[in-house]
Amino acid sequence: MGLIKLCPACGEENPVSEVICRVCMTNLSAVPPSQAGGATSGGDALIQPDGAETRRSSRAALTLSRARDGRTIAVQSGCVLGRSGETLEFFSGIMTVSRRHARVESRGDAWQIEDLGSTNGTWVNGARIDPGRPLPLKPGDTVALSLACEIRVVG
């Protein structure tokens, strides 16, 4: 078995020479090489709707990547995105994001986002979504939680 760089966002095994994940474009420059097919050192942080942080499990999670710095977060169905609760640290300092901005939900294999009546609105691929009306999400979609906070759906 050779050395690889295991992407912390999507779990892809990348060649050790890669600095960006070939699947989700996460920055791998600080990821140490590990043995291919080996156990990981604990996995991604996974934010649950009750705010508890666990290690990534077999339960479905949606991974989001912040456009300004590439930082990623994995959230489970029912998670509220915003400057309070379970995603406080991820959105802290971005005052144009509401405390309870939007909710992501899993419906089978599909994900959707719903604006929770935020002050500055939620935008998917450049189109504002109506509060209270869930909209499907797919990998590659761009979600803006105000003009100052753009995130990308990784998977």
C-alpha atoms as a PDB file:
ATOM      1  CA  MET A   1       0.000   0.000   0.000  1.00  0.00           C
ATOM      2  CA  GLY A   2       1.269   3.440  -0.914  1.00  0.00           C
ATOM      3  CA  LEU A   3       0.899   6.837   0.694  1.00  0.00           C
ATOM      4  CA  ILE A   4      -2.136   9.015  -0.006  1.00  0.00           C
ATOM      5  CA  LYS A   5      -3.704  12.239   1.271  1.00  0.00           C
ATOM      6  CA  LEU A   6      -7.172  11.541   2.630  1.00  0.00           C
ATOM      7  CA  CYS A   7      -9.474  14.512   2.021  1.00  0.00           C
ATOM      8  CA  PRO A   8     -10.975  15.691   5.333  1.00  0.00           C
ATOM      9  CA  ALA A   9     -14.109  16.973   3.564  1.00  0.00           C
ATOM     10  CA  CYS A  10     -15.169  14.136   1.270  1.00  0.00           C
ATOM     11  CA  GLY A  11     -12.937  11.191   2.190  1.00  0.00           C
ATOM     12  CA  GLU A  12     -11.351  10.858  -1.266  1.00  0.00           C
ATOM     13  CA  GLU A  13      -7.941   9.184  -1.380  1.00  0.00           C
ATOM     14  CA  ASN A  14      -5.723  11.611  -3.312  1.00  0.00           C
ATOM     15  CA  PRO A  15      -2.144  11.065  -4.517  1.00  0.00           C
ATOM     16  CA  VAL A  16       0.332  12.349  -1.931  1.00  0.00           C
ATOM     17  CA  SER A  17       1.500  15.040  -4.395  1.00  0.00           C
ATOM     18  CA  GLU A  18      -1.965  16.675  -4.576  1.00  0.00           C
ATOM     19  CA  VAL A  19      -2.500  19.999  -2.809  1.00  0.00           C
ATOM     20  CA  ILE A  20      -6.208  20.214  -3.738  1.00  0.00           C
ATOM     21  CA  CYS A  21      -8.701  17.326  -3.540  1.00  0.00           C
ATOM     22  CA  ARG A  22      -9.500  16.087  -7.030  1.00  0.00           C
ATOM     23  CA  VAL A  23     -13.163  15.536  -6.084  1.00  0.00           C
ATOM     24  CA  CYS A  24     -14.259  18.449  -3.894  1.00  0.00           C
ATOM     25  CA  MET A  25     -11.382  20.955  -4.326  1.00  0.00           C
ATOM     26  CA  THR A  26     -10.600  21.124  -0.579  1.00  0.00           C
ATOM     27  CA  ASN A  27      -7.127  22.460   0.246  1.00  0.00           C
ATOM     28  CA  LEU A  28      -4.896  19.477   1.153  1.00  0.00           C
ATOM     29  CA  SER A  29      -1.646  21.375   1.749  1.00  0.00           C
ATOM     30  CA  ALA A  30      -1.797  20.778   5.524  1.00  0.00           C
ATOM     31  CA  VAL A  31      -3.037  17.159   5.291  1.00  0.00           C
ATOM     32  CA  PRO A  32      -0.323  14.677   6.280  1.00  0.00           C
ATOM     33  CA  PRO A  33       0.221  11.583   4.112  1.00  0.00           C
ATOM     34  CA  SER A  34      -1.235   8.308   5.361  1.00  0.00           C
ATOM     35  CA  GLN A  35      -1.357   4.684   4.213  1.00  0.00           C
ATOM     36  CA  ALA A  36      -3.869   3.963   1.443  1.00  0.00           C
ATOM     37  CA  GLY A  37      -6.877   2.055   2.721  1.00  0.00           C
ATOM     38  CA  GLY A  38      -5.803   2.580   6.332  1.00  0.00           C
ATOM     39  CA  ALA A  39      -7.814   3.873   9.214  1.00  0.00           C
ATOM     40  CA  THR A  40      -8.180   7.606   9.581  1.00  0.00           C
ATOM     41  CA  SER A  41      -7.356   9.521  12.716  1.00  0.00           C
ATOM     42  CA  GLY A  42     -10.948  10.170  13.669  1.00  0.00           C
ATOM     43  CA  GLY A  43     -12.669  11.654  10.636  1.00  0.00           C
ATOM     44  CA  ASP A  44     -14.428  14.957  10.101  1.00  0.00           C
ATOM     45  CA  ALA A  45     -16.247  16.930  12.700  1.00  0.00           C
ATOM     46  CA  LEU A  46     -19.944  16.393  12.148  1.00  0.00           C
ATOM     47  CA  ILE A  47     -22.446  18.908  13.478  1.00  0.00           C
ATOM     48  CA  GLN A  48     -25.778  17.444  14.534  1.00  0.00           C
ATOM     49  CA  PRO A  49     -29.084  19.348  14.928  1.00  0.00           C
ATOM     50  CA  ASP A  50     -28.747  19.323  18.740  1.00  0.00           C
ATOM     51  CA  GLY A  51     -25.347  21.047  18.445  1.00  0.00           C
ATOM     52  CA  ALA A  52     -23.320  18.022  19.534  1.00  0.00           C
ATOM     53  CA  GLU A  53     -20.093  17.410  17.652  1.00  0.00           C
ATOM     54  CA  THR A  54     -19.217  13.824  16.800  1.00  0.00           C
ATOM     55  CA  ARG A  55     -16.917  12.117  14.355  1.00  0.00           C
ATOM     56  CA  ARG A  56     -18.211  11.366  10.874  1.00  0.00           C
ATOM     57  CA  SER A  57     -20.263   8.206  10.825  1.00  0.00           C
ATOM     58  CA  SER A  58     -22.196   6.249   8.248  1.00  0.00           C
ATOM     59  CA  ARG A  59     -25.166   8.628   8.673  1.00  0.00           C
ATOM     60  CA  ALA A  60     -25.666  10.967   5.741  1.00  0.00           C
ATOM     61  CA  ALA A  61     -24.017  14.366   6.031  1.00  0.00           C
ATOM     62  CA  LEU A  62     -23.895  17.377   3.752  1.00  0.00           C
ATOM     63  CA  THR A  63     -20.472  18.988   3.360  1.00  0.00           C
ATOM     64  CA  LEU A  64     -20.273  22.724   2.725  1.00  0.00           C
ATOM     65  CA  SER A  65     -17.161  24.710   1.805  1.00  0.00           C
ATOM     66  CA  ARG A  66     -16.794  28.428   2.586  1.00  0.00           C
ATOM     67  CA  ALA A  67     -15.764  30.305  -0.560  1.00  0.00           C
ATOM     68  CA  ARG A  68     -13.487  32.868   1.113  1.00  0.00           C
ATOM     69  CA  ASP A  69     -11.113  30.381   2.752  1.00  0.00           C
ATOM     70  CA  GLY A  70     -12.084  26.841   1.696  1.00  0.00           C
ATOM     71  CA  ARG A  71     -12.946  25.827   5.260  1.00  0.00           C
ATOM     72  CA  THR A  72     -15.450  22.976   5.303  1.00  0.00           C
ATOM     73  CA  ILE A  73     -18.195  21.836   7.614  1.00  0.00           C
ATOM     74  CA  ALA A  74     -20.249  18.644   7.547  1.00  0.00           C
ATOM     75  CA  VAL A  75     -23.823  18.943   8.802  1.00  0.00           C
ATOM     76  CA  GLN A  76     -26.600  16.443   9.332  1.00  0.00           C
ATOM     77  CA  SER A  77     -30.220  16.717   8.298  1.00  0.00           C
ATOM     78  CA  GLY A  78     -32.112  19.325  10.294  1.00  0.00           C
ATOM     79  CA  CYS A  79     -29.065  21.490  10.969  1.00  0.00           C
ATOM     80  CA  VAL A  80     -29.692  25.242  11.140  1.00  0.00           C
ATOM     81  CA  LEU A  81     -27.040  27.377   9.449  1.00  0.00           C
ATOM     82  CA  GLY A  82     -26.316  30.674  11.176  1.00  0.00           C
ATOM     83  CA  ARG A  83     -24.432  32.651  13.830  1.00  0.00           C
ATOM     84  CA  SER A  84     -25.891  30.706  16.755  1.00  0.00           C
ATOM     85  CA  GLY A  85     -26.301  27.096  17.768  1.00  0.00           C
ATOM     86  CA  GLU A  86     -24.433  24.309  16.057  1.00  0.00           C
ATOM     87  CA  THR A  87     -22.785  26.390  13.298  1.00  0.00           C
ATOM     88  CA  LEU A  88     -21.799  29.391  15.434  1.00  0.00           C
ATOM     89  CA  GLU A  89     -18.050  28.937  14.974  1.00  0.00           C
ATOM     90  CA  PHE A  90     -18.291  28.413  11.197  1.00  0.00           C
ATOM     91  CA  PHE A  91     -20.288  31.643  10.649  1.00  0.00           C
ATOM     92  CA  SER A  92     -18.941  33.760  13.531  1.00  0.00           C
ATOM     93  CA  GLY A  93     -17.871  37.240  12.560  1.00  0.00           C
ATOM     94  CA  ILE A  94     -20.097  37.347   9.463  1.00  0.00           C
ATOM     95  CA  MET A  95     -22.669  39.797  10.765  1.00  0.00           C
ATOM     96  CA  THR A  96     -24.793  39.685   7.609  1.00  0.00           C
ATOM     97  CA  VAL A  97     -25.647  36.029   8.343  1.00  0.00           C
ATOM     98  CA  SER A  98     -28.654  35.748  10.662  1.00  0.00           C
ATOM     99  CA  ARG A  99     -28.441  33.812  13.900  1.00  0.00           C
ATOM    100  CA  ARG A 100     -30.903  31.255  12.469  1.00  0.00           C
ATOM    101  CA  HIS A 101     -30.488  31.810   8.742  1.00  0.00           C
ATOM    102  CA  ALA A 102     -31.397  28.597   6.888  1.00  0.00           C
ATOM    103  CA  ARG A 103     -32.022  24.895   7.539  1.00  0.00           C
ATOM    104  CA  VAL A 104     -30.688  21.962   5.509  1.00  0.00           C
ATOM    105  CA  GLU A 105     -32.677  18.713   5.371  1.00  0.00           C
ATOM    106  CA  SER A 106     -32.097  15.325   3.812  1.00  0.00           C
ATOM    107  CA  ARG A 107     -34.985  13.680   1.970  1.00  0.00           C
ATOM    108  CA  GLY A 108     -33.771  10.208   1.073  1.00  0.00           C
ATOM    109  CA  ASP A 109     -30.666  10.743  -1.070  1.00  0.00           C
ATOM    110  CA  ALA A 110     -31.519  14.383  -1.828  1.00  0.00           C
ATOM    111  CA  TRP A 111     -30.742  17.520   0.176  1.00  0.00           C
ATOM    112  CA  GLN A 112     -32.693  20.761   0.372  1.00  0.00           C
ATOM    113  CA  ILE A 113     -32.271  24.180   1.956  1.00  0.00           C
ATOM    114  CA  GLU A 114     -34.944  26.428   3.442  1.00  0.00           C
ATOM    115  CA  ASP A 115     -34.533  30.092   4.352  1.00  0.00           C
ATOM    116  CA  LEU A 116     -35.834  30.704   7.883  1.00  0.00           C
ATOM    117  CA  GLY A 117     -36.903  34.301   7.306  1.00  0.00           C
ATOM    118  CA  SER A 118     -33.352  35.644   7.438  1.00  0.00           C
ATOM    119  CA  THR A 119     -32.694  39.374   7.227  1.00  0.00           C
ATOM    120  CA  ASN A 120     -30.483  39.251   4.113  1.00  0.00           C
ATOM    121  CA  GLY A 121     -31.968  36.229   2.376  1.00  0.00           C
ATOM    122  CA  THR A 122     -30.616  32.948   1.054  1.00  0.00           C
ATOM    123  CA  TRP A 123     -29.526  32.601  -2.563  1.00  0.00           C
ATOM    124  CA  VAL A 124     -28.886  29.373  -4.512  1.00  0.00           C
ATOM    125  CA  ASN A 125     -26.911  29.689  -7.752  1.00  0.00           C
ATOM    126  CA  GLY A 126     -27.690  33.423  -7.887  1.00  0.00           C
ATOM    127  CA  ALA A 127     -31.464  33.143  -7.332  1.00  0.00           C
ATOM    128  CA  ARG A 128     -33.066  34.230  -4.062  1.00  0.00           C
ATOM    129  CA  ILE A 129     -35.202  31.534  -2.474  1.00  0.00           C
ATOM    130  CA  ASP A 130     -38.509  32.260  -0.785  1.00  0.00           C
ATOM    131  CA  PRO A 131     -38.495  31.907   3.010  1.00  0.00           C
ATOM    132  CA  GLY A 132     -40.246  28.752   4.156  1.00  0.00           C
ATOM    133  CA  ARG A 133     -40.061  27.069   0.724  1.00  0.00           C
ATOM    134  CA  PRO A 134     -37.353  24.362   0.593  1.00  0.00           C
ATOM    135  CA  LEU A 135     -35.202  24.196  -2.540  1.00  0.00           C
ATOM    136  CA  PRO A 136     -33.211  21.118  -3.655  1.00  0.00           C
ATOM    137  CA  LEU A 137     -29.396  21.218  -3.422  1.00  0.00           C
ATOM    138  CA  LYS A 138     -26.815  19.252  -5.370  1.00  0.00           C
ATOM    139  CA  PRO A 139     -23.005  19.073  -5.302  1.00  0.00           C
ATOM    140  CA  GLY A 140     -21.507  22.149  -6.947  1.00  0.00           C
ATOM    141  CA  ASP A 141     -24.375  24.478  -6.036  1.00  0.00           C
ATOM    142  CA  THR A 142     -23.390  27.880  -4.651  1.00  0.00           C
ATOM    143  CA  VAL A 143     -25.343  29.074  -1.628  1.00  0.00           C
ATOM    144  CA  ALA A 144     -25.100  32.677  -0.454  1.00  0.00           C
ATOM    145  CA  LEU A 145     -26.213  33.533   3.064  1.00  0.00           C
ATOM    146  CA  SER A 146     -26.106  37.275   2.321  1.00  0.00           C
ATOM    147  CA  LEU A 147     -23.649  38.991  -0.020  1.00  0.00           C
ATOM    148  CA  ALA A 148     -20.748  38.499   2.414  1.00  0.00           C
ATOM    149  CA  CYS A 149     -21.031  34.731   2.873  1.00  0.00           C
ATOM    150  CA  GLU A 150     -20.869  32.311  -0.025  1.00  0.00           C
ATOM    151  CA  ILE A 151     -20.601  28.561   0.492  1.00  0.00           C
ATOM    152  CA  ARG A 152     -20.401  25.673  -1.958  1.00  0.00           C
ATOM    153  CA  VAL A 153     -22.178  22.345  -1.655  1.00  0.00           C
ATOM    154  CA  VAL A 154     -19.411  19.740  -1.754  1.00  0.00           C
ATOM    155  CA  GLY A 155     -21.414  16.576  -1.298  1.00  0.00           C
END
